């Protein structure tokens, strides 16, 4: 990927609905160049899909939390398999540093979040967890 690809991806990440004509104008290249670049990025697996970003307060009744997880010994693969089967876990990330994994969790209420966290804490191979509840999102535009 070159600088043009990176700039194109940056524009698409900010607004995936931006037209090819507008992308071409912004990047100062032809529409054909933009179309070809997008097609190549999709075919090579760099672009794997397009999505809608919601305002953080669009679902005010939903609670989002991040669970930092320390795993016992070499049990990460089995812990990951179990966490991926947990419906409340919407994303799971391998990390370095103090924590081995970071799970994003969504729940309808504090009570439901408490139940989810109890299930997570009981997973064999999890040594300890620390949970942070999402309060507010600041967007960089």
N, C-alpha and C. Protein backbone atom coordinates (compact mmCIF):
# COMPACT_ATOMS: atom_id res chain seq x y z
N UNK A 1 0.84 -1.18 0.00
CA UNK A 1 0.00 0.00 0.00
C UNK A 1 0.88 1.24 0.00
N UNK A 2 0.48 2.20 -0.79
CA UNK A 2 1.22 3.45 -0.85
C UNK A 2 0.42 4.57 -0.17
N UNK A 3 0.95 5.79 -0.25
CA UNK A 3 0.32 6.93 0.42
C UNK A 3 -1.10 7.17 -0.09
N UNK A 4 -1.33 6.96 -1.39
CA UNK A 4 -2.67 7.15 -1.94
C UNK A 4 -3.66 6.16 -1.32
N UNK A 5 -3.24 4.90 -1.19
CA UNK A 5 -4.11 3.90 -0.54
C UNK A 5 -4.43 4.32 0.88
N UNK A 6 -3.43 4.76 1.62
CA UNK A 6 -3.65 5.17 3.02
C UNK A 6 -4.60 6.36 3.09
N UNK A 7 -4.42 7.32 2.20
CA UNK A 7 -5.33 8.48 2.19
C UNK A 7 -6.74 8.06 1.82
N UNK A 8 -6.87 7.17 0.86
CA UNK A 8 -8.18 6.66 0.46
C UNK A 8 -8.86 5.94 1.63
N UNK A 9 -8.12 5.09 2.31
CA UNK A 9 -8.68 4.37 3.46
C UNK A 9 -9.08 5.34 4.57
N UNK A 10 -8.30 6.37 4.78
CA UNK A 10 -8.64 7.37 5.79
C UNK A 10 -9.96 8.05 5.46
N UNK A 11 -10.14 8.43 4.20
CA UNK A 11 -11.40 9.06 3.79
C UNK A 11 -12.57 8.10 3.95
N UNK A 12 -12.37 6.84 3.56
CA UNK A 12 -13.46 5.86 3.68
C UNK A 12 -13.79 5.53 5.13
N UNK A 13 -12.78 5.52 5.99
CA UNK A 13 -13.04 5.26 7.41
C UNK A 13 -13.86 6.39 8.02
N UNK A 14 -13.64 7.60 7.53
CA UNK A 14 -14.40 8.74 8.03
C UNK A 14 -15.82 8.76 7.46
N UNK A 15 -15.97 8.33 6.19
CA UNK A 15 -17.28 8.33 5.56
C UNK A 15 -17.29 7.29 4.44
N UNK A 16 -17.71 6.07 4.77
CA UNK A 16 -17.71 4.97 3.79
C UNK A 16 -18.72 5.19 2.66
N UNK A 17 -19.61 6.16 2.82
CA UNK A 17 -20.61 6.43 1.78
C UNK A 17 -20.15 7.53 0.82
N UNK A 18 -18.94 8.02 0.99
CA UNK A 18 -18.42 9.05 0.10
C UNK A 18 -18.37 8.51 -1.33
N UNK A 19 -18.86 9.28 -2.28
CA UNK A 19 -18.90 8.81 -3.67
C UNK A 19 -17.50 8.72 -4.25
N UNK A 20 -17.36 7.88 -5.27
CA UNK A 20 -16.09 7.74 -5.97
C UNK A 20 -15.67 9.09 -6.55
N UNK A 21 -16.63 9.84 -7.07
CA UNK A 21 -16.31 11.15 -7.64
C UNK A 21 -15.76 12.09 -6.56
N UNK A 22 -16.37 12.09 -5.38
CA UNK A 22 -15.88 12.95 -4.30
C UNK A 22 -14.52 12.48 -3.78
N UNK A 23 -14.34 11.17 -3.71
CA UNK A 23 -13.04 10.63 -3.30
C UNK A 23 -11.96 11.05 -4.29
N UNK A 24 -12.27 10.92 -5.58
CA UNK A 24 -11.31 11.29 -6.62
C UNK A 24 -10.95 12.77 -6.53
N UNK A 25 -11.95 13.60 -6.32
CA UNK A 25 -11.71 15.04 -6.21
C UNK A 25 -10.82 15.34 -5.00
N UNK A 26 -11.14 14.73 -3.88
CA UNK A 26 -10.37 14.95 -2.65
C UNK A 26 -8.92 14.47 -2.79
N UNK A 27 -8.75 13.35 -3.47
CA UNK A 27 -7.41 12.75 -3.63
C UNK A 27 -6.66 13.29 -4.85
N UNK A 28 -7.38 14.07 -5.67
CA UNK A 28 -6.80 14.66 -6.89
C UNK A 28 -6.30 13.59 -7.86
N UNK A 29 -7.14 12.57 -8.07
CA UNK A 29 -6.88 11.51 -9.04
C UNK A 29 -8.18 11.24 -9.80
N UNK A 30 -8.10 10.40 -10.81
CA UNK A 30 -9.31 10.10 -11.60
C UNK A 30 -10.24 9.16 -10.84
N UNK A 31 -11.51 9.17 -11.25
CA UNK A 31 -12.50 8.25 -10.67
C UNK A 31 -12.10 6.80 -10.93
N UNK A 32 -11.54 6.54 -12.10
CA UNK A 32 -11.10 5.18 -12.44
C UNK A 32 -10.01 4.72 -11.48
N UNK A 33 -9.09 5.62 -11.15
CA UNK A 33 -8.02 5.27 -10.20
C UNK A 33 -8.61 4.90 -8.85
N UNK A 34 -9.55 5.69 -8.37
CA UNK A 34 -10.20 5.42 -7.08
C UNK A 34 -10.93 4.08 -7.14
N UNK A 35 -11.72 3.89 -8.20
CA UNK A 35 -12.46 2.63 -8.34
C UNK A 35 -11.55 1.42 -8.36
N UNK A 36 -10.46 1.52 -9.10
CA UNK A 36 -9.50 0.42 -9.18
C UNK A 36 -8.83 0.16 -7.83
N UNK A 37 -8.49 1.24 -7.12
CA UNK A 37 -7.85 1.08 -5.81
C UNK A 37 -8.80 0.41 -4.82
N UNK A 38 -10.04 0.86 -4.81
CA UNK A 38 -11.03 0.26 -3.89
C UNK A 38 -11.20 -1.22 -4.21
N UNK A 39 -11.35 -1.54 -5.48
CA UNK A 39 -11.52 -2.94 -5.90
C UNK A 39 -10.33 -3.78 -5.46
N UNK A 40 -9.11 -3.26 -5.67
CA UNK A 40 -7.89 -4.00 -5.29
C UNK A 40 -7.82 -4.19 -3.77
N UNK A 41 -8.17 -3.13 -3.01
CA UNK A 41 -8.14 -3.22 -1.55
C UNK A 41 -9.18 -4.22 -1.03
N UNK A 42 -10.32 -4.28 -1.69
CA UNK A 42 -11.35 -5.27 -1.32
C UNK A 42 -10.88 -6.69 -1.65
N UNK A 43 -10.36 -6.88 -2.86
CA UNK A 43 -9.93 -8.21 -3.30
C UNK A 43 -8.75 -8.74 -2.48
N UNK A 44 -7.88 -7.85 -2.03
CA UNK A 44 -6.72 -8.29 -1.25
C UNK A 44 -7.05 -8.48 0.23
N UNK A 45 -8.29 -8.14 0.62
CA UNK A 45 -8.71 -8.35 2.00
C UNK A 45 -8.37 -7.21 2.94
N UNK A 46 -7.85 -6.11 2.42
CA UNK A 46 -7.59 -4.95 3.29
C UNK A 46 -8.92 -4.35 3.72
N UNK A 47 -9.80 -4.16 2.76
CA UNK A 47 -11.17 -3.72 3.07
C UNK A 47 -12.02 -4.99 3.14
N UNK A 48 -12.57 -5.26 4.31
CA UNK A 48 -13.36 -6.48 4.48
C UNK A 48 -14.85 -6.21 4.57
N UNK A 49 -15.23 -4.94 4.58
CA UNK A 49 -16.65 -4.63 4.62
C UNK A 49 -16.87 -3.17 4.95
N UNK A 50 -18.11 -2.78 4.93
CA UNK A 50 -18.51 -1.41 5.22
C UNK A 50 -19.57 -1.48 6.31
N UNK A 51 -19.63 -0.45 7.13
CA UNK A 51 -20.55 -0.49 8.26
C UNK A 51 -21.12 0.89 8.53
N UNK A 52 -22.00 0.95 9.48
CA UNK A 52 -22.60 2.19 9.92
C UNK A 52 -22.09 2.47 11.33
N UNK A 53 -21.65 3.70 11.56
CA UNK A 53 -21.25 4.11 12.90
C UNK A 53 -22.42 4.86 13.52
N UNK A 54 -22.80 4.47 14.71
CA UNK A 54 -23.88 5.15 15.41
C UNK A 54 -23.30 6.15 16.39
N UNK A 55 -24.06 7.20 16.64
CA UNK A 55 -23.67 8.12 17.70
C UNK A 55 -23.56 7.32 18.99
N UNK A 56 -22.60 7.63 19.83
CA UNK A 56 -22.45 6.86 21.07
C UNK A 56 -23.72 6.84 21.93
N UNK A 57 -24.52 7.90 21.86
CA UNK A 57 -25.72 7.94 22.68
C UNK A 57 -26.96 7.43 21.94
N UNK A 58 -26.77 6.81 20.77
CA UNK A 58 -27.91 6.32 19.99
C UNK A 58 -28.61 5.16 20.67
N UNK A 59 -27.88 4.43 21.51
CA UNK A 59 -28.47 3.33 22.27
C UNK A 59 -28.26 3.63 23.76
N UNK A 60 -28.99 4.61 24.29
CA UNK A 60 -28.71 5.08 25.65
C UNK A 60 -28.97 4.04 26.74
N UNK A 61 -29.77 3.03 26.46
CA UNK A 61 -30.08 2.05 27.49
C UNK A 61 -29.11 0.88 27.51
N UNK A 62 -28.19 0.85 26.55
CA UNK A 62 -27.23 -0.23 26.51
C UNK A 62 -25.96 0.18 27.24
N UNK A 63 -25.42 -0.75 28.01
CA UNK A 63 -24.18 -0.50 28.75
C UNK A 63 -23.05 -1.21 28.02
N UNK A 64 -21.96 -0.47 27.81
CA UNK A 64 -20.77 -1.04 27.22
C UNK A 64 -19.68 -1.04 28.28
N UNK A 65 -18.97 -2.15 28.37
CA UNK A 65 -17.86 -2.25 29.32
C UNK A 65 -16.70 -2.95 28.65
N UNK A 66 -15.50 -2.68 29.15
CA UNK A 66 -14.31 -3.36 28.68
C UNK A 66 -13.77 -4.18 29.83
N UNK A 67 -13.57 -5.45 29.57
CA UNK A 67 -13.07 -6.36 30.60
C UNK A 67 -11.64 -6.74 30.25
N UNK A 68 -10.71 -6.32 31.08
CA UNK A 68 -9.30 -6.69 30.94
C UNK A 68 -9.13 -8.03 31.64
N UNK A 69 -8.48 -8.96 30.97
CA UNK A 69 -8.43 -10.33 31.47
C UNK A 69 -6.98 -10.83 31.53
N UNK A 70 -6.61 -11.38 32.69
CA UNK A 70 -5.32 -12.08 32.83
C UNK A 70 -5.62 -13.56 32.78
N UNK A 71 -4.87 -14.29 31.95
CA UNK A 71 -5.09 -15.72 31.74
C UNK A 71 -4.00 -16.51 32.47
N UNK A 72 -4.41 -17.63 33.06
CA UNK A 72 -3.46 -18.51 33.74
C UNK A 72 -2.59 -19.24 32.71
N UNK A 73 -1.28 -19.18 32.89
CA UNK A 73 -0.35 -19.96 32.08
C UNK A 73 -0.60 -19.88 30.59
N UNK A 74 -0.70 -21.07 29.95
CA UNK A 74 -0.86 -21.15 28.50
C UNK A 74 -2.29 -21.50 28.11
N UNK A 75 -3.26 -21.04 28.87
CA UNK A 75 -4.66 -21.40 28.63
C UNK A 75 -5.39 -20.40 27.74
N UNK A 76 -4.66 -19.49 27.10
CA UNK A 76 -5.30 -18.46 26.27
C UNK A 76 -6.19 -19.05 25.19
N UNK A 77 -5.76 -20.07 24.43
CA UNK A 77 -6.64 -20.58 23.36
C UNK A 77 -8.01 -21.06 23.87
N UNK A 78 -8.03 -21.77 24.98
CA UNK A 78 -9.33 -22.26 25.49
C UNK A 78 -10.16 -21.12 26.06
N UNK A 79 -9.51 -20.13 26.69
CA UNK A 79 -10.25 -18.97 27.21
C UNK A 79 -10.85 -18.18 26.05
N UNK A 80 -10.07 -17.99 24.98
CA UNK A 80 -10.57 -17.26 23.81
C UNK A 80 -11.78 -17.99 23.22
N UNK A 81 -11.69 -19.31 23.07
CA UNK A 81 -12.82 -20.08 22.52
C UNK A 81 -14.08 -19.88 23.37
N UNK A 82 -13.92 -19.93 24.68
CA UNK A 82 -15.06 -19.78 25.57
C UNK A 82 -15.64 -18.37 25.49
N UNK A 83 -14.77 -17.37 25.51
CA UNK A 83 -15.24 -15.98 25.44
C UNK A 83 -15.94 -15.68 24.12
N UNK A 84 -15.45 -16.26 23.03
CA UNK A 84 -16.11 -16.03 21.73
C UNK A 84 -17.50 -16.65 21.69
N UNK A 85 -17.78 -17.57 22.59
CA UNK A 85 -19.11 -18.16 22.68
C UNK A 85 -20.03 -17.41 23.62
N UNK A 86 -19.52 -16.41 24.29
CA UNK A 86 -20.32 -15.59 25.21
C UNK A 86 -21.05 -14.52 24.40
N UNK A 87 -22.39 -14.56 24.37
CA UNK A 87 -23.16 -13.62 23.54
C UNK A 87 -22.92 -12.14 23.86
N UNK A 88 -22.60 -11.80 25.08
CA UNK A 88 -22.41 -10.40 25.46
C UNK A 88 -21.07 -9.85 25.00
N UNK A 89 -20.13 -10.73 24.66
CA UNK A 89 -18.82 -10.28 24.19
C UNK A 89 -18.95 -9.92 22.71
N UNK A 90 -18.75 -8.64 22.40
CA UNK A 90 -18.92 -8.19 21.01
C UNK A 90 -17.60 -8.08 20.27
N UNK A 91 -16.49 -8.01 21.00
CA UNK A 91 -15.17 -8.07 20.38
C UNK A 91 -14.18 -8.55 21.42
N UNK A 92 -13.12 -9.19 20.93
CA UNK A 92 -12.10 -9.74 21.82
C UNK A 92 -10.74 -9.47 21.21
N UNK A 93 -9.83 -8.96 22.02
CA UNK A 93 -8.52 -8.53 21.52
C UNK A 93 -7.40 -9.13 22.35
N UNK A 94 -6.35 -9.56 21.68
CA UNK A 94 -5.12 -10.01 22.31
C UNK A 94 -4.29 -8.76 22.59
N UNK A 95 -3.75 -8.64 23.80
CA UNK A 95 -2.99 -7.45 24.15
C UNK A 95 -1.64 -7.82 24.77
N UNK A 96 -0.82 -6.82 24.97
CA UNK A 96 0.43 -7.06 25.69
C UNK A 96 0.38 -6.25 26.99
N UNK A 97 1.35 -6.43 27.83
CA UNK A 97 1.36 -5.69 29.09
C UNK A 97 0.72 -6.51 30.20
N UNK A 98 0.11 -5.83 31.13
CA UNK A 98 -0.46 -6.47 32.32
C UNK A 98 -1.57 -7.45 31.99
N UNK A 99 -2.39 -7.14 31.00
CA UNK A 99 -3.55 -7.96 30.66
C UNK A 99 -3.28 -8.75 29.38
N UNK A 100 -3.83 -9.95 29.33
CA UNK A 100 -3.65 -10.82 28.16
C UNK A 100 -4.71 -10.57 27.09
N UNK A 101 -5.93 -10.28 27.54
CA UNK A 101 -7.05 -10.10 26.61
C UNK A 101 -7.87 -8.89 27.03
N UNK A 102 -8.55 -8.30 26.06
CA UNK A 102 -9.48 -7.21 26.32
C UNK A 102 -10.79 -7.55 25.61
N UNK A 103 -11.85 -7.67 26.38
CA UNK A 103 -13.16 -8.02 25.82
C UNK A 103 -14.09 -6.82 25.92
N UNK A 104 -14.76 -6.53 24.81
CA UNK A 104 -15.81 -5.51 24.83
C UNK A 104 -17.12 -6.25 25.09
N UNK A 105 -17.86 -5.75 26.07
CA UNK A 105 -19.08 -6.42 26.50
C UNK A 105 -20.24 -5.43 26.44
N UNK A 106 -21.39 -5.91 25.95
CA UNK A 106 -22.61 -5.08 25.91
C UNK A 106 -23.69 -5.77 26.74
N UNK A 107 -24.41 -4.95 27.51
CA UNK A 107 -25.49 -5.48 28.35
C UNK A 107 -26.62 -4.46 28.40
N UNK A 108 -27.82 -4.94 28.65
CA UNK A 108 -28.99 -4.07 28.67
C UNK A 108 -29.11 -3.28 29.96
N UNK A 109 -28.46 -3.74 31.02
CA UNK A 109 -28.57 -3.08 32.32
C UNK A 109 -27.36 -3.43 33.18
N UNK A 110 -27.22 -2.72 34.27
CA UNK A 110 -26.15 -3.04 35.23
C UNK A 110 -26.35 -4.44 35.78
N UNK A 111 -27.58 -4.82 36.03
CA UNK A 111 -27.87 -6.16 36.54
C UNK A 111 -27.42 -7.22 35.55
N UNK A 112 -27.75 -7.01 34.27
CA UNK A 112 -27.32 -7.97 33.24
C UNK A 112 -25.80 -7.98 33.12
N UNK A 113 -25.17 -6.81 33.21
CA UNK A 113 -23.71 -6.75 33.15
C UNK A 113 -23.10 -7.55 34.30
N UNK A 114 -23.68 -7.44 35.47
CA UNK A 114 -23.19 -8.18 36.63
C UNK A 114 -23.26 -9.69 36.39
N UNK A 115 -24.34 -10.15 35.78
CA UNK A 115 -24.50 -11.58 35.47
C UNK A 115 -23.45 -12.02 34.45
N UNK A 116 -23.24 -11.20 33.43
CA UNK A 116 -22.25 -11.51 32.40
C UNK A 116 -20.86 -11.59 33.02
N UNK A 117 -20.51 -10.61 33.85
CA UNK A 117 -19.19 -10.58 34.47
C UNK A 117 -18.98 -11.79 35.37
N UNK A 118 -20.01 -12.23 36.04
CA UNK A 118 -19.91 -13.43 36.88
C UNK A 118 -19.63 -14.66 36.02
N UNK A 119 -20.30 -14.76 34.87
CA UNK A 119 -20.03 -15.88 33.96
C UNK A 119 -18.58 -15.83 33.46
N UNK A 120 -18.12 -14.64 33.10
CA UNK A 120 -16.75 -14.49 32.60
C UNK A 120 -15.75 -14.88 33.68
N UNK A 121 -15.96 -14.40 34.90
CA UNK A 121 -15.02 -14.71 35.98
C UNK A 121 -14.91 -16.20 36.27
N UNK A 122 -15.96 -16.95 35.97
CA UNK A 122 -15.98 -18.39 36.24
C UNK A 122 -15.34 -19.24 35.14
N UNK A 123 -14.93 -18.62 34.06
CA UNK A 123 -14.33 -19.37 32.95
C UNK A 123 -13.00 -19.95 33.42
N UNK A 124 -12.84 -21.24 33.22
CA UNK A 124 -11.60 -21.92 33.59
C UNK A 124 -10.44 -21.33 32.79
N UNK A 125 -9.38 -20.97 33.51
CA UNK A 125 -8.21 -20.39 32.87
C UNK A 125 -8.10 -18.89 33.05
N UNK A 126 -9.16 -18.25 33.53
CA UNK A 126 -9.08 -16.82 33.79
C UNK A 126 -8.59 -16.63 35.22
N UNK A 127 -7.49 -15.91 35.33
CA UNK A 127 -6.88 -15.66 36.63
C UNK A 127 -7.56 -14.49 37.34
N UNK A 128 -7.68 -13.37 36.63
CA UNK A 128 -8.30 -12.19 37.22
C UNK A 128 -8.84 -11.29 36.11
N UNK A 129 -9.76 -10.41 36.48
CA UNK A 129 -10.33 -9.46 35.52
C UNK A 129 -10.41 -8.08 36.15
N UNK A 130 -10.52 -7.08 35.29
CA UNK A 130 -10.79 -5.71 35.73
C UNK A 130 -11.73 -5.11 34.70
N UNK A 131 -12.82 -4.54 35.16
CA UNK A 131 -13.85 -4.03 34.25
C UNK A 131 -13.95 -2.51 34.33
N UNK A 132 -14.03 -1.89 33.16
CA UNK A 132 -14.26 -0.45 33.05
C UNK A 132 -15.54 -0.25 32.27
N UNK A 133 -16.43 0.58 32.80
CA UNK A 133 -17.70 0.86 32.14
C UNK A 133 -17.55 2.12 31.29
N UNK A 134 -18.02 2.02 30.06
CA UNK A 134 -17.97 3.15 29.13
C UNK A 134 -18.93 4.22 29.60
N UNK A 135 -18.41 5.45 29.70
CA UNK A 135 -19.25 6.57 30.11
C UNK A 135 -19.55 7.51 28.96
N UNK A 136 -18.52 7.87 28.19
CA UNK A 136 -18.68 8.85 27.13
C UNK A 136 -17.62 8.62 26.06
N UNK A 137 -17.96 8.92 24.81
CA UNK A 137 -17.02 8.80 23.70
C UNK A 137 -16.70 10.17 23.15
N UNK A 138 -15.43 10.42 22.92
CA UNK A 138 -14.98 11.66 22.29
C UNK A 138 -14.48 11.29 20.90
N UNK A 139 -15.06 11.87 19.88
CA UNK A 139 -14.70 11.53 18.51
C UNK A 139 -13.67 12.50 17.96
N UNK A 140 -12.72 11.94 17.23
CA UNK A 140 -11.73 12.73 16.53
C UNK A 140 -12.20 12.85 15.09
N UNK A 141 -12.40 14.02 14.63
CA UNK A 141 -12.89 14.22 13.26
C UNK A 141 -11.81 14.82 12.41
